Amino acid sequence: MEFGLGWVVTRYPDETIIRHGGGDRGERTLGIYMPASRTGIVVFTNGANGMKGIRNVVALLHPHEKFGAFLAMQAR
């Protein structure tokens, strides 16, 4: 894992995912970008279980086993 201008750069054997997220009490956000496919996802939530919602949205739009496991860990 590397950091670049506030973004986390995670290199998996099959893909690089660049992400930035944050939150306060009751809000969570996550933006991810996949340079190889030039696609990205931005999710804003408003609720106590925001990370679970983010995990579900990302799993539907960009299923990646290892990144999904990372998001599942964050959603606990």
PDB file of N, CA and C in Angstrom:
ATOM      1  N   MET A   1       0.853  -1.169   0.000  1.00  0.00           N
ATOM      2  CA  MET A   1       0.000   0.000   0.000  1.00  0.00           C
ATOM      3  C   MET A   1       0.898   1.232   0.000  1.00  0.00           C
ATOM      4  N   GLU A   2       0.518   2.201  -0.807  1.00  0.00           N
ATOM      5  CA  GLU A   2       1.261   3.453  -0.910  1.00  0.00           C
ATOM      6  C   GLU A   2       0.284   4.612  -0.757  1.00  0.00           C
ATOM      7  N   PHE A   3       0.800   5.794  -0.513  1.00  0.00           N
ATOM      8  CA  PHE A   3      -0.036   6.982  -0.417  1.00  0.00           C
ATOM      9  C   PHE A   3       0.433   7.991  -1.463  1.00  0.00           C
ATOM     10  N   GLY A   4      -0.527   8.638  -2.108  1.00  0.00           N
ATOM     11  CA  GLY A   4      -0.196   9.639  -3.109  1.00  0.00           C
ATOM     12  C   GLY A   4      -1.170  10.799  -3.056  1.00  0.00           C
ATOM     13  N   LEU A   5      -0.723  11.946  -2.560  1.00  0.00           N
ATOM     14  CA  LEU A   5      -1.538  13.154  -2.478  1.00  0.00           C
ATOM     15  C   LEU A   5      -2.869  12.923  -1.757  1.00  0.00           C
ATOM     16  N   GLY A   6      -2.830  12.181  -0.655  1.00  0.00           N
ATOM     17  CA  GLY A   6      -4.030  11.934   0.143  1.00  0.00           C
ATOM     18  C   GLY A   6      -4.829  10.716  -0.279  1.00  0.00           C
ATOM     19  N   TRP A   7      -4.468  10.096  -1.379  1.00  0.00           N
ATOM     20  CA  TRP A   7      -5.138   8.896  -1.868  1.00  0.00           C
ATOM     21  C   TRP A   7      -4.292   7.679  -1.511  1.00  0.00           C
ATOM     22  N   VAL A   8      -4.943   6.564  -1.218  1.00  0.00           N
ATOM     23  CA  VAL A   8      -4.247   5.311  -0.934  1.00  0.00           C
ATOM     24  C   VAL A   8      -4.163   4.524  -2.239  1.00  0.00           C
ATOM     25  N   VAL A   9      -2.967   4.102  -2.587  1.00  0.00           N
ATOM     26  CA  VAL A   9      -2.756   3.314  -3.794  1.00  0.00           C
ATOM     27  C   VAL A   9      -2.477   1.881  -3.365  1.00  0.00           C
ATOM     28  N   THR A  10      -3.391   0.970  -3.696  1.00  0.00           N
ATOM     29  CA  THR A  10      -3.240  -0.437  -3.336  1.00  0.00           C
ATOM     30  C   THR A  10      -3.020  -1.230  -4.612  1.00  0.00           C
ATOM     31  N   ARG A  11      -1.902  -1.938  -4.650  1.00  0.00           N
ATOM     32  CA  ARG A  11      -1.568  -2.730  -5.835  1.00  0.00           C
ATOM     33  C   ARG A  11      -1.790  -4.210  -5.539  1.00  0.00           C
ATOM     34  N   TYR A  12      -2.766  -4.784  -6.222  1.00  0.00           N
ATOM     35  CA  TYR A  12      -3.012  -6.220  -6.171  1.00  0.00           C
ATOM     36  C   TYR A  12      -2.312  -6.835  -7.377  1.00  0.00           C
ATOM     37  N   PRO A  13      -2.086  -8.146  -7.381  1.00  0.00           N
ATOM     38  CA  PRO A  13      -1.425  -8.756  -8.547  1.00  0.00           C
ATOM     39  C   PRO A  13      -2.165  -8.503  -9.865  1.00  0.00           C
ATOM     40  N   ASP A  14      -3.487  -8.418  -9.806  1.00  0.00           N
ATOM     41  CA  ASP A  14      -4.279  -8.271 -11.029  1.00  0.00           C
ATOM     42  C   ASP A  14      -4.806  -6.856 -11.269  1.00  0.00           C
ATOM     43  N   GLU A  15      -4.633  -5.954 -10.298  1.00  0.00           N
ATOM     44  CA  GLU A  15      -5.232  -4.630 -10.455  1.00  0.00           C
ATOM     45  C   GLU A  15      -4.689  -3.646  -9.427  1.00  0.00           C
ATOM     46  N   THR A  16      -4.660  -2.380  -9.805  1.00  0.00           N
ATOM     47  CA  THR A  16      -4.343  -1.297  -8.879  1.00  0.00           C
ATOM     48  C   THR A  16      -5.634  -0.550  -8.588  1.00  0.00           C
ATOM     49  N   ILE A  17      -5.895  -0.309  -7.310  1.00  0.00           N
ATOM     50  CA  ILE A  17      -7.082   0.440  -6.897  1.00  0.00           C
ATOM     51  C   ILE A  17      -6.620   1.639  -6.079  1.00  0.00           C
ATOM     52  N   ILE A  18      -7.053   2.809  -6.493  1.00  0.00           N
ATOM     53  CA  ILE A  18      -6.730   4.053  -5.800  1.00  0.00           C
ATOM     54  C   ILE A  18      -7.988   4.483  -5.063  1.00  0.00           C
ATOM     55  N   ARG A  19      -7.861   4.788  -3.767  1.00  0.00           N
ATOM     56  CA  ARG A  19      -9.070   5.087  -2.994  1.00  0.00           C
ATOM     57  C   ARG A  19      -8.848   6.247  -2.032  1.00  0.00           C
ATOM     58  N   HIS A  20      -9.953   6.873  -1.695  1.00  0.00           N
ATOM     59  CA  HIS A  20      -9.961   7.914  -0.676  1.00  0.00           C
ATOM     60  C   HIS A  20     -11.335   7.895  -0.036  1.00  0.00           C
ATOM     61  N   GLY A  21     -11.369   7.902   1.262  1.00  0.00           N
ATOM     62  CA  GLY A  21     -12.648   7.873   1.961  1.00  0.00           C
ATOM     63  C   GLY A  21     -12.583   8.679   3.235  1.00  0.00           C
ATOM     64  N   GLY A  22     -13.704   8.755   3.880  1.00  0.00           N
ATOM     65  CA  GLY A  22     -13.762   9.478   5.139  1.00  0.00           C
ATOM     66  C   GLY A  22     -15.135   9.391   5.741  1.00  0.00           C
ATOM     67  N   GLY A  23     -15.317  10.107   6.804  1.00  0.00           N
ATOM     68  CA  GLY A  23     -16.619  10.098   7.439  1.00  0.00           C
ATOM     69  C   GLY A  23     -16.611  10.796   8.778  1.00  0.00           C
ATOM     70  N   ASP A  24     -17.787  11.063   9.217  1.00  0.00           N
ATOM     71  CA  ASP A  24     -18.068  11.593  10.542  1.00  0.00           C
ATOM     72  C   ASP A  24     -19.143  10.706  11.143  1.00  0.00           C
ATOM     73  N   ARG A  25     -19.594  11.053  12.299  1.00  0.00           N
ATOM     74  CA  ARG A  25     -20.669  10.288  12.928  1.00  0.00           C
ATOM     75  C   ARG A  25     -21.896  10.320  12.013  1.00  0.00           C
ATOM     76  N   GLY A  26     -22.277   9.151  11.504  1.00  0.00           N
ATOM     77  CA  GLY A  26     -23.463   9.048  10.672  1.00  0.00           C
ATOM     78  C   GLY A  26     -23.245   9.222   9.186  1.00  0.00           C
ATOM     79  N   GLU A  27     -22.032   9.556   8.759  1.00  0.00           N
ATOM     80  CA  GLU A  27     -21.749   9.693   7.333  1.00  0.00           C
ATOM     81  C   GLU A  27     -20.463   8.963   6.993  1.00  0.00           C
ATOM     82  N   ARG A  28     -20.472   8.325   5.828  1.00  0.00           N
ATOM     83  CA  ARG A  28     -19.262   7.676   5.306  1.00  0.00           C
ATOM     84  C   ARG A  28     -19.192   7.930   3.814  1.00  0.00           C
ATOM     85  N   THR A  29     -17.980   8.052   3.292  1.00  0.00           N
ATOM     86  CA  THR A  29     -17.786   8.241   1.861  1.00  0.00           C
ATOM     87  C   THR A  29     -16.626   7.377   1.384  1.00  0.00           C
ATOM     88  N   LEU A  30     -16.664   7.022   0.119  1.00  0.00           N
ATOM     89  CA  LEU A  30     -15.545   6.306  -0.483  1.00  0.00           C
ATOM     90  C   LEU A  30     -15.541   6.602  -1.971  1.00  0.00           C
ATOM     91  N   GLY A  31     -14.369   6.940  -2.468  1.00  0.00           N
ATOM     92  CA  GLY A  31     -14.151   7.080  -3.897  1.00  0.00           C
ATOM     93  C   GLY A  31     -13.046   6.134  -4.294  1.00  0.00           C
ATOM     94  N   ILE A  32     -13.260   5.349  -5.342  1.00  0.00           N
ATOM     95  CA  ILE A  32     -12.210   4.452  -5.826  1.00  0.00           C
ATOM     96  C   ILE A  32     -12.049   4.664  -7.332  1.00  0.00           C
ATOM     97  N   TYR A  33     -10.827   4.412  -7.791  1.00  0.00           N
ATOM     98  CA  TYR A  33     -10.517   4.550  -9.209  1.00  0.00           C
ATOM     99  C   TYR A  33      -9.612   3.400  -9.610  1.00  0.00           C
ATOM    100  N   MET A  34      -9.915   2.782 -10.756  1.00  0.00           N
ATOM    101  CA  MET A  34      -9.115   1.703 -11.297  1.00  0.00           C
ATOM    102  C   MET A  34      -8.470   2.210 -12.589  1.00  0.00           C
ATOM    103  N   PRO A  35      -7.183   2.568 -12.549  1.00  0.00           N
ATOM    104  CA  PRO A  35      -6.534   3.180 -13.708  1.00  0.00           C
ATOM    105  C   PRO A  35      -6.529   2.310 -14.965  1.00  0.00           C
ATOM    106  N   ALA A  36      -6.387   1.013 -14.822  1.00  0.00           N
ATOM    107  CA  ALA A  36      -6.295   0.137 -15.999  1.00  0.00           C
ATOM    108  C   ALA A  36      -7.568   0.205 -16.845  1.00  0.00           C
ATOM    109  N   SER A  37      -8.721   0.227 -16.185  1.00  0.00           N
ATOM    110  CA  SER A  37      -9.992   0.268 -16.917  1.00  0.00           C
ATOM    111  C   SER A  37     -10.547   1.686 -17.039  1.00  0.00           C
ATOM    112  N   ARG A  38      -9.876   2.642 -16.381  1.00  0.00           N
ATOM    113  CA  ARG A  38     -10.309   4.044 -16.377  1.00  0.00           C
ATOM    114  C   ARG A  38     -11.749   4.179 -15.887  1.00  0.00           C
ATOM    115  N   THR A  39     -12.062   3.435 -14.812  1.00  0.00           N
ATOM    116  CA  THR A  39     -13.391   3.511 -14.211  1.00  0.00           C
ATOM    117  C   THR A  39     -13.260   3.850 -12.739  1.00  0.00           C
ATOM    118  N   GLY A  40     -14.337   4.357 -12.177  1.00  0.00           N
ATOM    119  CA  GLY A  40     -14.332   4.700 -10.770  1.00  0.00           C
ATOM    120  C   GLY A  40     -15.722   4.641 -10.183  1.00  0.00           C
ATOM    121  N   ILE A  41     -15.770   4.691  -8.877  1.00  0.00           N
ATOM    122  CA  ILE A  41     -17.021   4.656  -8.124  1.00  0.00           C
ATOM    123  C   ILE A  41     -16.899   5.663  -6.989  1.00  0.00           C
ATOM    124  N   VAL A  42     -17.936   6.439  -6.763  1.00  0.00           N
ATOM    125  CA  VAL A  42     -18.003   7.338  -5.617  1.00  0.00           C
ATOM    126  C   VAL A  42     -19.314   7.053  -4.907  1.00  0.00           C
ATOM    127  N   VAL A  43     -19.219   6.808  -3.595  1.00  0.00           N
ATOM    128  CA  VAL A  43     -20.413   6.495  -2.805  1.00  0.00           C
ATOM    129  C   VAL A  43     -20.440   7.407  -1.585  1.00  0.00           C
ATOM    130  N   PHE A  44     -21.563   8.070  -1.371  1.00  0.00           N
ATOM    131  CA  PHE A  44     -21.812   8.878  -0.184  1.00  0.00           C
ATOM    132  C   PHE A  44     -22.954   8.225   0.590  1.00  0.00           C
ATOM    133  N   THR A  45     -22.806   8.072   1.892  1.00  0.00           N
ATOM    134  CA  THR A  45     -23.882   7.494   2.698  1.00  0.00           C
ATOM    135  C   THR A  45     -24.223   8.425   3.852  1.00  0.00           C
ATOM    136  N   ASN A  46     -25.397   8.223   4.375  1.00  0.00           N
ATOM    137  CA  ASN A  46     -25.879   8.991   5.508  1.00  0.00           C
ATOM    138  C   ASN A  46     -26.626   8.028   6.411  1.00  0.00           C
ATOM    139  N   GLY A  47     -25.916   7.445   7.371  1.00  0.00           N
ATOM    140  CA  GLY A  47     -26.532   6.495   8.279  1.00  0.00           C
ATOM    141  C   GLY A  47     -25.488   5.770   9.099  1.00  0.00           C
ATOM    142  N   ALA A  48     -25.953   5.113  10.131  1.00  0.00           N
ATOM    143  CA  ALA A  48     -25.049   4.454  11.070  1.00  0.00           C
ATOM    144  C   ALA A  48     -24.269   3.301  10.442  1.00  0.00           C
ATOM    145  N   ASN A  49     -24.816   2.658   9.420  1.00  0.00           N
ATOM    146  CA  ASN A  49     -24.152   1.515   8.787  1.00  0.00           C
ATOM    147  C   ASN A  49     -23.639   1.865   7.399  1.00  0.00           C
ATOM    148  N   GLY A  50     -23.115   3.053   7.243  1.00  0.00           N
ATOM    149  CA  GLY A  50     -22.678   3.531   5.935  1.00  0.00           C
ATOM    150  C   GLY A  50     -21.647   2.659   5.262  1.00  0.00           C
ATOM    151  N   MET A  51     -20.695   2.116   6.024  1.00  0.00           N
ATOM    152  CA  MET A  51     -19.653   1.297   5.407  1.00  0.00           C
ATOM    153  C   MET A  51     -20.225   0.016   4.840  1.00  0.00           C
ATOM    154  N   LYS A  52     -21.258  -0.526   5.461  1.00  0.00           N
ATOM    155  CA  LYS A  52     -21.909  -1.727   4.909  1.00  0.00           C
ATOM    156  C   LYS A  52     -22.572  -1.396   3.578  1.00  0.00           C
ATOM    157  N   GLY A  53     -23.191  -0.248   3.492  1.00  0.00           N
ATOM    158  CA  GLY A  53     -23.792   0.175   2.231  1.00  0.00           C
ATOM    159  C   GLY A  53     -22.741   0.376   1.153  1.00  0.00           C
ATOM    160  N   ILE A  54     -21.632   0.992   1.518  1.00  0.00           N
ATOM    161  CA  ILE A  54     -20.538   1.194   0.573  1.00  0.00           C
ATOM    162  C   ILE A  54     -20.019  -0.149   0.078  1.00  0.00           C
ATOM    163  N   ARG A  55     -19.807  -1.065   0.998  1.00  0.00           N
ATOM    164  CA  ARG A  55     -19.313  -2.402   0.632  1.00  0.00           C
ATOM    165  C   ARG A  55     -20.244  -3.058  -0.377  1.00  0.00           C
ATOM    166  N   ASN A  56     -21.545  -2.972  -0.144  1.00  0.00           N
ATOM    167  CA  ASN A  56     -22.512  -3.614  -1.034  1.00  0.00           C
ATOM    168  C   ASN A  56     -22.532  -2.967  -2.419  1.00  0.00           C
ATOM    169  N   VAL A  57     -22.454  -1.650  -2.467  1.00  0.00           N
ATOM    170  CA  VAL A  57     -22.446  -0.949  -3.762  1.00  0.00           C
ATOM    171  C   VAL A  57     -21.197  -1.311  -4.554  1.00  0.00           C
ATOM    172  N   VAL A  58     -20.047  -1.271  -3.914  1.00  0.00           N
ATOM    173  CA  VAL A  58     -18.795  -1.585  -4.606  1.00  0.00           C
ATOM    174  C   VAL A  58     -18.788  -3.041  -5.068  1.00  0.00           C
ATOM    175  N   ALA A  59     -19.312  -3.955  -4.247  1.00  0.00           N
ATOM    176  CA  ALA A  59     -19.361  -5.373  -4.634  1.00  0.00           C
ATOM    177  C   ALA A  59     -20.218  -5.576  -5.883  1.00  0.00           C
ATOM    178  N   LEU A  60     -21.288  -4.817  -6.013  1.00  0.00           N
ATOM    179  CA  LEU A  60     -22.136  -4.929  -7.200  1.00  0.00           C
ATOM    180  C   LEU A  60     -21.476  -4.335  -8.444  1.00  0.00           C
ATOM    181  N   LEU A  61     -20.831  -3.192  -8.286  1.00  0.00           N
ATOM    182  CA  LEU A  61     -20.282  -2.485  -9.441  1.00  0.00           C
ATOM    183  C   LEU A  61     -18.879  -2.928  -9.830  1.00  0.00           C
ATOM    184  N   HIS A  62     -18.115  -3.394  -8.857  1.00  0.00           N
ATOM    185  CA  HIS A  62     -16.739  -3.803  -9.144  1.00  0.00           C
ATOM    186  C   HIS A  62     -16.335  -4.939  -8.204  1.00  0.00           C
ATOM    187  N   PRO A  63     -16.808  -6.159  -8.491  1.00  0.00           N
ATOM    188  CA  PRO A  63     -16.452  -7.272  -7.606  1.00  0.00           C
ATOM    189  C   PRO A  63     -14.963  -7.631  -7.725  1.00  0.00           C
ATOM    190  N   HIS A  64     -14.243  -7.463  -6.646  1.00  0.00           N
ATOM    191  CA  HIS A  64     -12.823  -7.820  -6.569  1.00  0.00           C
ATOM    192  C   HIS A  64     -12.643  -8.498  -5.216  1.00  0.00           C
ATOM    193  N   GLU A  65     -12.267  -9.753  -5.236  1.00  0.00           N
ATOM    194  CA  GLU A  65     -12.251 -10.564  -4.012  1.00  0.00           C
ATOM    195  C   GLU A  65     -11.435  -9.939  -2.878  1.00  0.00           C
ATOM    196  N   LYS A  66     -10.226  -9.539  -3.138  1.00  0.00           N
ATOM    197  CA  LYS A  66      -9.366  -9.016  -2.067  1.00  0.00           C
ATOM    198  C   LYS A  66      -9.814  -7.634  -1.599  1.00  0.00           C
ATOM    199  N   PHE A  67     -10.207  -6.771  -2.530  1.00  0.00           N
ATOM    200  CA  PHE A  67     -10.680  -5.451  -2.115  1.00  0.00           C
ATOM    201  C   PHE A  67     -12.019  -5.589  -1.389  1.00  0.00           C
ATOM    202  N   GLY A  68     -12.857  -6.510  -1.835  1.00  0.00           N
ATOM    203  CA  GLY A  68     -14.119  -6.773  -1.134  1.00  0.00           C
ATOM    204  C   GLY A  68     -13.893  -7.246   0.294  1.00  0.00           C
ATOM    205  N   ALA A  69     -12.872  -8.076   0.492  1.00  0.00           N
ATOM    206  CA  ALA A  69     -12.540  -8.543   1.849  1.00  0.00           C
ATOM    207  C   ALA A  69     -12.073  -7.380   2.707  1.00  0.00           C
ATOM    208  N   PHE A  70     -11.300  -6.471   2.127  1.00  0.00           N
ATOM    209  CA  PHE A  70     -10.856  -5.285   2.855  1.00  0.00           C
ATOM    210  C   PHE A  70     -12.061  -4.447   3.280  1.00  0.00           C
ATOM    211  N   LEU A  71     -13.010  -4.210   2.354  1.00  0.00           N
ATOM    212  CA  LEU A  71     -14.197  -3.420   2.692  1.00  0.00           C
ATOM    213  C   LEU A  71     -15.061  -4.118   3.730  1.00  0.00           C
ATOM    214  N   ALA A  72     -15.153  -5.438   3.653  1.00  0.00           N
ATOM    215  CA  ALA A  72     -15.924  -6.191   4.655  1.00  0.00           C
ATOM    216  C   ALA A  72     -15.319  -6.009   6.039  1.00  0.00           C
ATOM    217  N   MET A  73     -14.005  -5.987   6.132  1.00  0.00           N
ATOM    218  CA  MET A  73     -13.332  -5.763   7.408  1.00  0.00           C
ATOM    219  C   MET A  73     -13.661  -4.358   7.931  1.00  0.00           C
ATOM    220  N   GLN A  74     -13.704  -3.375   7.043  1.00  0.00           N
ATOM    221  CA  GLN A  74     -14.007  -2.005   7.425  1.00  0.00           C
ATOM    222  C   GLN A  74     -15.456  -1.836   7.877  1.00  0.00           C
ATOM    223  N   ALA A  75     -16.349  -2.704   7.420  1.00  0.00           N
ATOM    224  CA  ALA A  75     -17.771  -2.561   7.693  1.00  0.00           C
ATOM    225  C   ALA A  75     -18.183  -3.182   9.019  1.00  0.00           C
ATOM    226  N   ARG A  76     -17.268  -3.733   9.757  1.00  0.00           N
ATOM    227  CA  ARG A  76     -17.629  -4.369  11.045  1.00  0.00           C
ATOM    228  C   ARG A  76     -17.978  -3.358  12.087  1.00  0.00           C
TER     229      ARG A  76
END
